[in-house]
Amino acid sequence: MKENPFVKIINGLETEKNRQELLNKQLKIIISDGAQIFYLDKFEDELFKALKDEFNDKDDWLGWWIYEKDFGKNKKLTARYKNKKPIKLDTPEQLYKFLVKNMH
């Protein structure tokens, strides 16, 4: 089965975030001033903005899911929407279905 393009983009963002964190960790061993040394934020910011626009995500579900829920890994955080019932948003696929259903 072909991977959903949204899921592919989200997985790519997570992979790049992990690579950047690893590179920064390794470079900080060499450069000890504690500054973040490497980050491709311009490309990621533009991609993030494009996704927010595509889904009309005015409530910042994407930002919450990526940064607060740490790409779905933080199982302690739960989401609630209009009916106040918990929403299961642990995977990019679940996030995609939620956004398609509620934001378009």
Protein backbone atom coordinates (compact mmCIF):
# COMPACT_ATOMS: atom_id res chain seq x y z
CA MET A 1 0.00 0.00 0.00
CA LYS A 2 1.31 3.45 -0.95
CA GLU A 3 2.17 5.68 2.00
CA ASN A 4 -0.03 8.74 2.46
CA PRO A 5 1.93 11.88 1.37
CA PHE A 6 0.98 13.66 4.62
CA VAL A 7 2.32 10.76 6.68
CA LYS A 8 5.48 10.70 4.57
CA ILE A 9 6.06 14.42 5.19
CA ILE A 10 5.44 14.12 8.95
CA ASN A 11 7.77 11.11 9.19
CA GLY A 12 10.39 13.04 7.22
CA LEU A 13 10.12 16.01 9.58
CA GLU A 14 10.61 13.71 12.55
CA THR A 15 13.60 12.01 10.92
CA GLU A 16 15.23 15.37 10.20
CA LYS A 17 14.56 16.60 13.75
CA ASN A 18 16.25 13.47 15.11
CA ARG A 19 19.23 13.87 12.76
CA GLN A 20 19.65 17.51 13.74
CA GLU A 21 19.52 16.67 17.44
CA LEU A 22 22.14 13.95 16.98
CA LEU A 23 24.40 16.26 14.95
CA ASN A 24 24.06 19.03 17.53
CA LYS A 25 24.82 16.60 20.34
CA GLN A 26 27.97 15.42 18.56
CA LEU A 27 29.11 18.94 17.69
CA LYS A 28 28.54 20.16 21.26
CA ILE A 29 31.17 17.68 22.37
CA ILE A 30 33.64 19.58 20.21
CA ILE A 31 32.25 23.09 20.80
CA SER A 32 31.38 23.46 24.45
CA ASP A 33 29.57 26.82 24.60
CA GLY A 34 26.15 25.10 24.62
CA ALA A 35 24.77 26.87 21.55
CA GLN A 36 22.62 25.05 19.05
CA ILE A 37 24.95 24.69 16.13
CA PHE A 38 22.93 23.30 13.27
CA TYR A 39 19.27 23.59 12.40
CA LEU A 40 17.48 23.65 9.05
CA ASP A 41 14.57 25.65 10.38
CA LYS A 42 13.77 27.71 7.24
CA PHE A 43 12.80 24.68 5.14
CA GLU A 44 10.94 23.04 8.01
CA ASP A 45 9.10 26.27 8.82
CA GLU A 46 7.93 26.65 5.22
CA LEU A 47 6.82 23.02 5.05
CA PHE A 48 5.01 23.37 8.37
CA LYS A 49 3.25 26.55 7.18
CA ALA A 50 2.20 24.82 3.96
CA LEU A 51 0.65 21.95 5.92
CA LYS A 52 -1.16 24.36 8.26
CA ASP A 53 -2.54 26.24 5.25
CA GLU A 54 -3.54 23.07 3.44
CA PHE A 55 -5.58 21.88 6.41
CA ASN A 56 -6.80 25.32 7.47
CA ASP A 57 -5.33 24.51 10.89
CA LYS A 58 -6.17 27.73 12.73
CA ASP A 59 -6.14 25.95 16.11
CA ASP A 60 -2.55 24.71 15.59
CA TRP A 61 -3.21 20.99 15.90
CA LEU A 62 -0.10 20.32 13.81
CA GLY A 63 2.12 22.39 16.08
CA TRP A 64 0.67 20.78 19.18
CA TRP A 65 1.12 17.29 17.76
CA ILE A 66 4.68 17.86 16.52
CA TYR A 67 6.10 19.97 19.37
CA GLU A 68 4.03 19.23 22.48
CA LYS A 69 3.07 15.63 21.77
CA ASP A 70 6.53 15.02 20.24
CA PHE A 71 5.28 13.44 17.00
CA GLY A 72 2.70 11.42 18.93
CA LYS A 73 5.20 9.84 21.33
CA ASN A 74 3.99 11.68 24.44
CA LYS A 75 1.10 9.38 25.35
CA LYS A 76 0.31 11.42 28.50
CA LEU A 77 -1.04 14.30 26.42
CA THR A 78 -4.56 13.82 25.14
CA ALA A 79 -6.62 16.00 22.86
CA ARG A 80 -10.25 16.95 23.06
CA TYR A 81 -12.26 18.66 20.37
CA LYS A 82 -15.76 20.09 20.09
CA ASN A 83 -17.58 17.26 21.86
CA LYS A 84 -14.98 17.26 24.68
CA LYS A 85 -14.33 13.52 24.26
CA PRO A 86 -10.70 12.33 24.07
CA ILE A 87 -9.28 11.99 20.57
CA LYS A 88 -6.66 9.34 19.84
CA LEU A 89 -3.84 11.16 18.05
CA ASP A 90 -0.80 8.94 18.53
CA THR A 91 0.16 8.37 14.89
CA PRO A 92 0.52 10.56 11.81
CA GLU A 93 -2.31 8.58 10.24
CA GLN A 94 -4.66 9.42 13.12
CA LEU A 95 -3.65 13.08 12.93
CA TYR A 96 -4.27 13.12 9.18
CA LYS A 97 -7.75 11.62 9.54
CA PHE A 98 -8.60 14.12 12.28
CA LEU A 99 -7.40 17.08 10.21
CA VAL A 100 -9.24 15.93 7.08
CA LYS A 101 -12.46 15.39 9.02
CA ASN A 102 -12.37 18.60 11.07
CA MET A 103 -10.30 21.21 9.27
CA HIS A 104 -11.32 20.96 5.61
